PDB file of N, CA and C in Angstrom:
ATOM      1  N   UNK A   1     225.559 155.538 -74.052  1.00  0.00           N
ATOM      2  CA  UNK A   1     224.805 156.220 -74.937  1.00  0.00           C
ATOM      3  C   UNK A   1     223.480 155.420 -74.542  1.00  0.00           C
ATOM      4  N   UNK A   2     222.414 156.325 -74.575  1.00  0.00           N
ATOM      5  CA  UNK A   2     221.086 154.824 -74.431  1.00  0.00           C
ATOM      6  C   UNK A   2     220.474 155.322 -76.090  1.00  0.00           C
ATOM      7  N   UNK A   3     219.640 154.357 -76.410  1.00  0.00           N
ATOM      8  CA  UNK A   3     219.659 153.470 -77.356  1.00  0.00           C
ATOM      9  C   UNK A   3     217.962 154.164 -77.663  1.00  0.00           C
ATOM     10  N   UNK A   4     218.018 154.759 -79.181  1.00  0.00           N
ATOM     11  CA  UNK A   4     217.275 155.073 -79.395  1.00  0.00           C
ATOM     12  C   UNK A   4     215.625 154.765 -79.645  1.00  0.00           C
ATOM     13  N   UNK A   5     214.468 155.389 -79.515  1.00  0.00           N
ATOM     14  CA  UNK A   5     213.617 154.637 -79.335  1.00  0.00           C
ATOM     15  C   UNK A   5     212.372 155.401 -80.305  1.00  0.00           C
ATOM     16  N   UNK A   6     211.981 154.704 -81.227  1.00  0.00           N
ATOM     17  CA  UNK A   6     210.973 155.696 -82.454  1.00  0.00           C
ATOM     18  C   UNK A   6     209.496 155.140 -82.438  1.00  0.00           C
ATOM     19  N   UNK A   7     208.579 155.498 -82.338  1.00  0.00           N
ATOM     20  CA  UNK A   7     207.312 155.431 -82.898  1.00  0.00           C
ATOM     21  C   UNK A   7     207.052 155.584 -84.496  1.00  0.00           C
ATOM     22  N   UNK A   8     206.590 154.221 -85.095  1.00  0.00           N
ATOM     23  CA  UNK A   8     206.059 154.552 -86.189  1.00  0.00           C
ATOM     24  C   UNK A   8     204.523 153.344 -86.361  1.00  0.00           C
ATOM     25  N   UNK A   9     204.276 153.314 -87.672  1.00  0.00           N
ATOM     26  CA  UNK A   9     203.196 152.334 -88.619  1.00  0.00           C
ATOM     27  C   UNK A   9     204.429 151.236 -89.069  1.00  0.00           C
ATOM     28  N   UNK A  10     203.445 149.943 -89.079  1.00  0.00           N
ATOM     29  CA  UNK A  10     204.287 148.807 -90.065  1.00  0.00           C
ATOM     30  C   UNK A  10     203.306 148.752 -91.277  1.00  0.00           C
ATOM     31  N   UNK A  11     204.285 148.823 -92.191  1.00  0.00           N
ATOM     32  CA  UNK A  11     204.287 148.918 -93.549  1.00  0.00           C
ATOM     33  C   UNK A  11     203.727 147.878 -94.025  1.00  0.00           C
ATOM     34  N   UNK A  12     204.705 146.400 -93.750  1.00  0.00           N
ATOM     35  CA  UNK A  12     204.942 145.297 -94.476  1.00  0.00           C
ATOM     36  C   UNK A  12     204.928 144.446 -93.253  1.00  0.00           C
ATOM     37  N   UNK A  13     205.043 143.055 -94.080  1.00  0.00           N
ATOM     38  CA  UNK A  13     205.251 141.805 -92.706  1.00  0.00           C
ATOM     39  C   UNK A  13     205.628 140.290 -93.717  1.00  0.00           C
ATOM     40  N   UNK A  14     205.702 140.701 -95.028  1.00  0.00           N
ATOM     41  CA  UNK A  14     206.119 139.843 -95.844  1.00  0.00           C
ATOM     42  C   UNK A  14     207.117 139.170 -95.436  1.00  0.00           C
ATOM     43  N   UNK A  15     208.374 139.691 -94.600  1.00  0.00           N
ATOM     44  CA  UNK A  15     209.377 139.047 -94.603  1.00  0.00           C
ATOM     45  C   UNK A  15     209.163 138.346 -93.022  1.00  0.00           C
ATOM     46  N   UNK A  16     209.722 137.090 -92.829  1.00  0.00           N
ATOM     47  CA  UNK A  16     210.242 136.551 -91.728  1.00  0.00           C
ATOM     48  C   UNK A  16     210.536 137.053 -90.200  1.00  0.00           C
ATOM     49  N   UNK A  17     210.233 137.467 -89.464  1.00  0.00           N
ATOM     50  CA  UNK A  17     210.497 137.793 -88.543  1.00  0.00           C
ATOM     51  C   UNK A  17     211.492 139.324 -89.331  1.00  0.00           C
ATOM     52  N   UNK A  18     210.807 139.832 -89.662  1.00  0.00           N
ATOM     53  CA  UNK A  18     210.844 141.618 -90.117  1.00  0.00           C
ATOM     54  C   UNK A  18     209.705 142.311 -90.286  1.00  0.00           C
ATOM     55  N   UNK A  19     209.885 143.626 -89.688  1.00  0.00           N
ATOM     56  CA  UNK A  19     208.478 144.268 -90.368  1.00  0.00           C
ATOM     57  C   UNK A  19     209.195 145.578 -90.933  1.00  0.00           C
ATOM     58  N   UNK A  20     208.623 146.353 -91.434  1.00  0.00           N
ATOM     59  CA  UNK A  20     208.972 147.939 -92.023  1.00  0.00           C
ATOM     60  C   UNK A  20     207.936 148.734 -91.211  1.00  0.00           C
ATOM     61  N   UNK A  21     208.902 149.535 -90.999  1.00  0.00           N
ATOM     62  CA  UNK A  21     207.971 150.719 -89.896  1.00  0.00           C
ATOM     63  C   UNK A  21     208.238 151.891 -90.509  1.00  0.00           C
ATOM     64  N   UNK A  22     207.503 152.471 -91.000  1.00  0.00           N
ATOM     65  CA  UNK A  22     207.218 153.595 -91.038  1.00  0.00           C
ATOM     66  C   UNK A  22     207.338 155.090 -90.184  1.00  0.00           C
ATOM     67  N   UNK A  23     208.561 155.757 -89.947  1.00  0.00           N
ATOM     68  CA  UNK A  23     207.999 156.955 -88.752  1.00  0.00           C
ATOM     69  C   UNK A  23     208.389 157.816 -89.163  1.00  0.00           C
ATOM     70  N   UNK A  24     207.390 158.974 -88.553  1.00  0.00           N
ATOM     71  CA  UNK A  24     206.901 160.395 -89.229  1.00  0.00           C
ATOM     72  C   UNK A  24     207.470 161.321 -88.270  1.00  0.00           C
ATOM     73  N   UNK A  25     208.148 161.820 -88.903  1.00  0.00           N
ATOM     74  CA  UNK A  25     208.861 162.541 -87.983  1.00  0.00           C
ATOM     75  C   UNK A  25     208.199 164.611 -88.606  1.00  0.00           C
ATOM     76  N   UNK A  26     207.988 165.685 -87.648  1.00  0.00           N
ATOM     77  CA  UNK A  26     207.101 167.218 -88.154  1.00  0.00           C
ATOM     78  C   UNK A  26     208.817 167.870 -87.673  1.00  0.00           C
ATOM     79  N   UNK A  27     208.720 168.883 -88.178  1.00  0.00           N
ATOM     80  CA  UNK A  27     209.843 169.989 -87.584  1.00  0.00           C
ATOM     81  C   UNK A  27     208.919 171.083 -88.417  1.00  0.00           C
ATOM     82  N   UNK A  28     209.790 172.153 -88.051  1.00  0.00           N
ATOM     83  CA  UNK A  28     209.304 173.614 -88.703  1.00  0.00           C
ATOM     84  C   UNK A  28     210.701 173.449 -89.285  1.00  0.00           C
ATOM     85  N   UNK A  29     210.138 174.859 -90.659  1.00  0.00           N
ATOM     86  CA  UNK A  29     211.363 174.704 -91.088  1.00  0.00           C
ATOM     87  C   UNK A  29     211.901 176.106 -90.886  1.00  0.00           C
ATOM     88  N   UNK A  30     213.507 175.831 -91.084  1.00  0.00           N
ATOM     89  CA  UNK A  30     213.923 176.949 -90.017  1.00  0.00           C
ATOM     90  C   UNK A  30     213.722 178.460 -91.124  1.00  0.00           C
ATOM     91  N   UNK A  31     213.616 178.191 -92.469  1.00  0.00           N
ATOM     92  CA  UNK A  31     213.288 179.964 -92.949  1.00  0.00           C
ATOM     93  C   UNK A  31     212.154 180.217 -93.036  1.00  0.00           C
ATOM     94  N   UNK A  32     211.436 179.080 -93.698  1.00  0.00           N
ATOM     95  CA  UNK A  32     209.833 179.607 -93.568  1.00  0.00           C
ATOM     96  C   UNK A  32     208.534 179.495 -92.531  1.00  0.00           C
ATOM     97  N   UNK A  33     209.065 178.460 -91.756  1.00  0.00           N
ATOM     98  CA  UNK A  33     208.758 178.996 -90.741  1.00  0.00           C
ATOM     99  C   UNK A  33     207.527 177.913 -90.647  1.00  0.00           C
ATOM    100  N   UNK A  34     207.295 176.863 -91.601  1.00  0.00           N
ATOM    101  CA  UNK A  34     206.306 176.093 -91.876  1.00  0.00           C
ATOM    102  C   UNK A  34     206.809 174.600 -91.450  1.00  0.00           C
ATOM    103  N   UNK A  35     205.545 173.937 -90.985  1.00  0.00           N
ATOM    104  CA  UNK A  35     205.459 172.834 -90.470  1.00  0.00           C
ATOM    105  C   UNK A  35     205.795 172.161 -91.938  1.00  0.00           C
ATOM    106  N   UNK A  36     206.664 170.767 -91.697  1.00  0.00           N
ATOM    107  CA  UNK A  36     207.175 170.043 -92.159  1.00  0.00           C
ATOM    108  C   UNK A  36     206.594 168.501 -92.115  1.00  0.00           C
ATOM    109  N   UNK A  37     206.337 167.857 -92.671  1.00  0.00           N
ATOM    110  CA  UNK A  37     206.213 166.425 -92.298  1.00  0.00           C
ATOM    111  C   UNK A  37     207.318 165.439 -93.378  1.00  0.00           C
ATOM    112  N   UNK A  38     207.705 164.689 -92.338  1.00  0.00           N
ATOM    113  CA  UNK A  38     208.843 163.823 -93.069  1.00  0.00           C
ATOM    114  C   UNK A  38     208.983 162.724 -92.799  1.00  0.00           C
ATOM    115  N   UNK A  39     208.881 161.426 -93.779  1.00  0.00           N
ATOM    116  CA  UNK A  39     208.923 159.668 -92.664  1.00  0.00           C
ATOM    117  C   UNK A  39     210.333 159.146 -93.729  1.00  0.00           C
ATOM    118  N   UNK A  40     210.899 158.019 -92.939  1.00  0.00           N
ATOM    119  CA  UNK A  40     211.930 157.539 -93.129  1.00  0.00           C
ATOM    120  C   UNK A  40     211.274 156.118 -92.803  1.00  0.00           C
ATOM    121  N   UNK A  41     211.553 155.150 -93.415  1.00  0.00           N
ATOM    122  CA  UNK A  41     211.437 152.963 -93.197  1.00  0.00           C
ATOM    123  C   UNK A  41     212.691 152.630 -92.485  1.00  0.00           C
ATOM    124  N   UNK A  42     212.352 151.852 -91.496  1.00  0.00           N
ATOM    125  CA  UNK A  42     213.404 151.389 -90.861  1.00  0.00           C
ATOM    126  C   UNK A  42     212.760 149.356 -91.040  1.00  0.00           C
ATOM    127  N   UNK A  43     213.381 148.852 -91.297  1.00  0.00           N
ATOM    128  CA  UNK A  43     213.378 147.773 -91.198  1.00  0.00           C
ATOM    129  C   UNK A  43     213.476 146.528 -89.995  1.00  0.00           C
ATOM    130  N   UNK A  44     213.238 146.460 -88.799  1.00  0.00           N
ATOM    131  CA  UNK A  44     213.124 146.049 -87.874  1.00  0.00           C
ATOM    132  C   UNK A  44     212.383 144.261 -87.549  1.00  0.00           C
ATOM    133  N   UNK A  45     213.804 144.255 -86.734  1.00  0.00           N
ATOM    134  CA  UNK A  45     213.399 142.171 -86.317  1.00  0.00           C
ATOM    135  C   UNK A  45     211.910 142.607 -85.644  1.00  0.00           C
ATOM    136  N   UNK A  46     211.570 140.969 -86.148  1.00  0.00           N
ATOM    137  CA  UNK A  46     210.156 140.546 -85.107  1.00  0.00           C
ATOM    138  C   UNK A  46     210.498 139.880 -84.482  1.00  0.00           C
ATOM    139  N   UNK A  47     210.465 139.004 -83.263  1.00  0.00           N
ATOM    140  CA  UNK A  47     210.532 137.945 -83.512  1.00  0.00           C
ATOM    141  C   UNK A  47     209.978 136.699 -83.269  1.00  0.00           C
ATOM    142  N   UNK A  48     208.680 137.132 -82.699  1.00  0.00           N
ATOM    143  CA  UNK A  48     207.428 136.522 -82.879  1.00  0.00           C
ATOM    144  C   UNK A  48     205.916 136.205 -84.185  1.00  0.00           C
ATOM    145  N   UNK A  49     206.941 137.077 -84.794  1.00  0.00           N
ATOM    146  CA  UNK A  49     206.314 137.283 -86.410  1.00  0.00           C
ATOM    147  C   UNK A  49     204.288 137.962 -85.931  1.00  0.00           C
ATOM    148  N   UNK A  50     204.198 138.647 -84.631  1.00  0.00           N
ATOM    149  CA  UNK A  50     202.785 138.821 -84.625  1.00  0.00           C
ATOM    150  C   UNK A  50     202.542 140.450 -84.731  1.00  0.00           C
ATOM    151  N   UNK A  51     203.618 141.427 -85.088  1.00  0.00           N
ATOM    152  CA  UNK A  51     202.844 142.444 -85.684  1.00  0.00           C
ATOM    153  C   UNK A  51     202.515 142.311 -87.142  1.00  0.00           C
ATOM    154  N   UNK A  52     201.185 142.932 -87.622  1.00  0.00           N
ATOM    155  CA  UNK A  52     200.645 143.155 -88.717  1.00  0.00           C
ATOM    156  C   UNK A  52     200.543 144.261 -89.294  1.00  0.00           C
ATOM    157  N   UNK A  53     200.113 144.584 -90.676  1.00  0.00           N
ATOM    158  CA  UNK A  53     200.274 146.074 -91.371  1.00  0.00           C
ATOM    159  C   UNK A  53     199.373 146.291 -91.010  1.00  0.00           C
ATOM    160  N   UNK A  54     199.742 147.995 -90.114  1.00  0.00           N
ATOM    161  CA  UNK A  54     198.946 148.982 -89.804  1.00  0.00           C
ATOM    162  C   UNK A  54     198.997 148.861 -87.669  1.00  0.00           C
ATOM    163  N   UNK A  55     199.571 148.217 -88.214  1.00  0.00           N
ATOM    164  CA  UNK A  55     199.964 148.366 -86.560  1.00  0.00           C
ATOM    165  C   UNK A  55     200.892 149.746 -85.849  1.00  0.00           C
ATOM    166  N   UNK A  56     200.719 150.237 -84.826  1.00  0.00           N
ATOM    167  CA  UNK A  56     201.332 150.956 -84.569  1.00  0.00           C
ATOM    168  C   UNK A  56     202.930 150.509 -83.114  1.00  0.00           C
ATOM    169  N   UNK A  57     203.679 150.517 -83.235  1.00  0.00           N
ATOM    170  CA  UNK A  57     204.894 150.455 -82.939  1.00  0.00           C
ATOM    171  C   UNK A  57     205.555 150.547 -82.622  1.00  0.00           C
ATOM    172  N   UNK A  58     206.650 150.282 -81.348  1.00  0.00           N
ATOM    173  CA  UNK A  58     207.750 151.233 -80.959  1.00  0.00           C
ATOM    174  C   UNK A  58     209.135 150.543 -81.412  1.00  0.00           C
ATOM    175  N   UNK A  59     210.029 150.881 -82.013  1.00  0.00           N
ATOM    176  CA  UNK A  59     211.181 150.212 -81.938  1.00  0.00           C
ATOM    177  C   UNK A  59     212.630 150.482 -81.518  1.00  0.00           C
ATOM    178  N   UNK A  60     213.735 150.107 -80.861  1.00  0.00           N
ATOM    179  CA  UNK A  60     214.595 150.360 -80.580  1.00  0.00           C
ATOM    180  C   UNK A  60     216.055 149.959 -81.498  1.00  0.00           C
ATOM    181  N   UNK A  61     216.942 150.959 -80.979  1.00  0.00           N
ATOM    182  CA  UNK A  61     218.095 150.858 -81.624  1.00  0.00           C
ATOM    183  C   UNK A  61     218.572 149.338 -80.766  1.00  0.00           C
ATOM    184  N   UNK A  62     219.601 148.653 -82.154  1.00  0.00           N
ATOM    185  CA  UNK A  62     219.997 147.354 -81.308  1.00  0.00           C
ATOM    186  C   UNK A  62     221.352 146.882 -82.271  1.00  0.00           C
ATOM    187  N   UNK A  63     222.087 146.253 -81.647  1.00  0.00           N
ATOM    188  CA  UNK A  63     223.425 145.332 -82.747  1.00  0.00           C
ATOM    189  C   UNK A  63     222.920 144.844 -84.264  1.00  0.00           C
ATOM    190  N   UNK A  64     223.916 145.040 -85.193  1.00  0.00           N
ATOM    191  CA  UNK A  64     223.057 144.627 -86.373  1.00  0.00           C
ATOM    192  C   UNK A  64     222.618 142.893 -86.438  1.00  0.00           C
ATOM    193  N   UNK A  65     221.250 142.512 -86.707  1.00  0.00           N
ATOM    194  CA  UNK A  65     220.382 141.554 -87.029  1.00  0.00           C
ATOM    195  C   UNK A  65     221.389 141.237 -88.265  1.00  0.00           C
ATOM    196  N   UNK A  66     220.951 141.790 -89.689  1.00  0.00           N
ATOM    197  CA  UNK A  66     221.266 141.347 -91.048  1.00  0.00           C
ATOM    198  C   UNK A  66     221.987 142.974 -91.624  1.00  0.00           C
ATOM    199  N   UNK A  67     222.009 142.564 -92.853  1.00  0.00           N
ATOM    200  CA  UNK A  67     222.105 143.453 -93.872  1.00  0.00           C
ATOM    201  C   UNK A  67     221.530 144.463 -93.230  1.00  0.00           C
ATOM    202  N   UNK A  68     220.455 144.781 -92.986  1.00  0.00           N
ATOM    203  CA  UNK A  68     219.526 145.996 -93.481  1.00  0.00           C
ATOM    204  C   UNK A  68     218.903 145.954 -92.007  1.00  0.00           C
ATOM    205  N   UNK A  69     219.172 145.140 -90.878  1.00  0.00           N
ATOM    206  CA  UNK A  69     218.092 145.521 -89.714  1.00  0.00           C
ATOM    207  C   UNK A  69     219.319 145.512 -88.711  1.00  0.00           C
ATOM    208  N   UNK A  70     218.446 147.157 -88.455  1.00  0.00           N
ATOM    209  CA  UNK A  70     219.327 147.498 -86.577  1.00  0.00           C
ATOM    210  C   UNK A  70     218.934 148.102 -85.702  1.00  0.00           C
ATOM    211  N   UNK A  71     217.308 147.360 -86.084  1.00  0.00           N
ATOM    212  CA  UNK A  71     216.412 147.896 -85.059  1.00  0.00           C
ATOM    213  C   UNK A  71     215.322 146.603 -84.285  1.00  0.00           C
ATOM    214  N   UNK A  72     215.182 146.576 -83.285  1.00  0.00           N
ATOM    215  CA  UNK A  72     214.304 145.106 -83.159  1.00  0.00           C
ATOM    216  C   UNK A  72     212.870 146.142 -82.285  1.00  0.00           C
ATOM    217  N   UNK A  73     211.839 145.357 -82.356  1.00  0.00           N
ATOM    218  CA  UNK A  73     210.219 145.699 -82.210  1.00  0.00           C
ATOM    219  C   UNK A  73     210.213 145.638 -80.307  1.00  0.00           C
ATOM    220  N   UNK A  74     210.178 147.060 -79.885  1.00  0.00           N
ATOM    221  CA  UNK A  74     209.633 146.764 -78.923  1.00  0.00           C
ATOM    222  C   UNK A  74     208.403 146.039 -77.981  1.00  0.00           C
ATOM    223  N   UNK A  75     207.847 144.944 -76.931  1.00  0.00           N
ATOM    224  CA  UNK A  75     207.177 144.357 -76.695  1.00  0.00           C
ATOM    225  C   UNK A  75     206.720 145.198 -75.774  1.00  0.00           C
ATOM    226  N   UNK A  76     205.651 145.543 -75.325  1.00  0.00           N
ATOM    227  CA  UNK A  76     204.669 146.146 -74.406  1.00  0.00           C
ATOM    228  C   UNK A  76     204.233 145.341 -73.178  1.00  0.00           C
TER     229      UNK A  76
END
């Protein structure tokens, strides 16, 4: 099964080797037919601590690195 890749913005880089990434998705409401924005935050592994707040990054699923980290930042 292929790993999911999401795109989002870094909202926090306070922790060592970890960034918090907010991913926003847009979808059409099934009944109201209105475009709705929904967002979710993911904690991702950042090995070199090189991403800062405001950066646009791509994250990929991986094996669990800690209790809350199930994603890693893709290096372009």
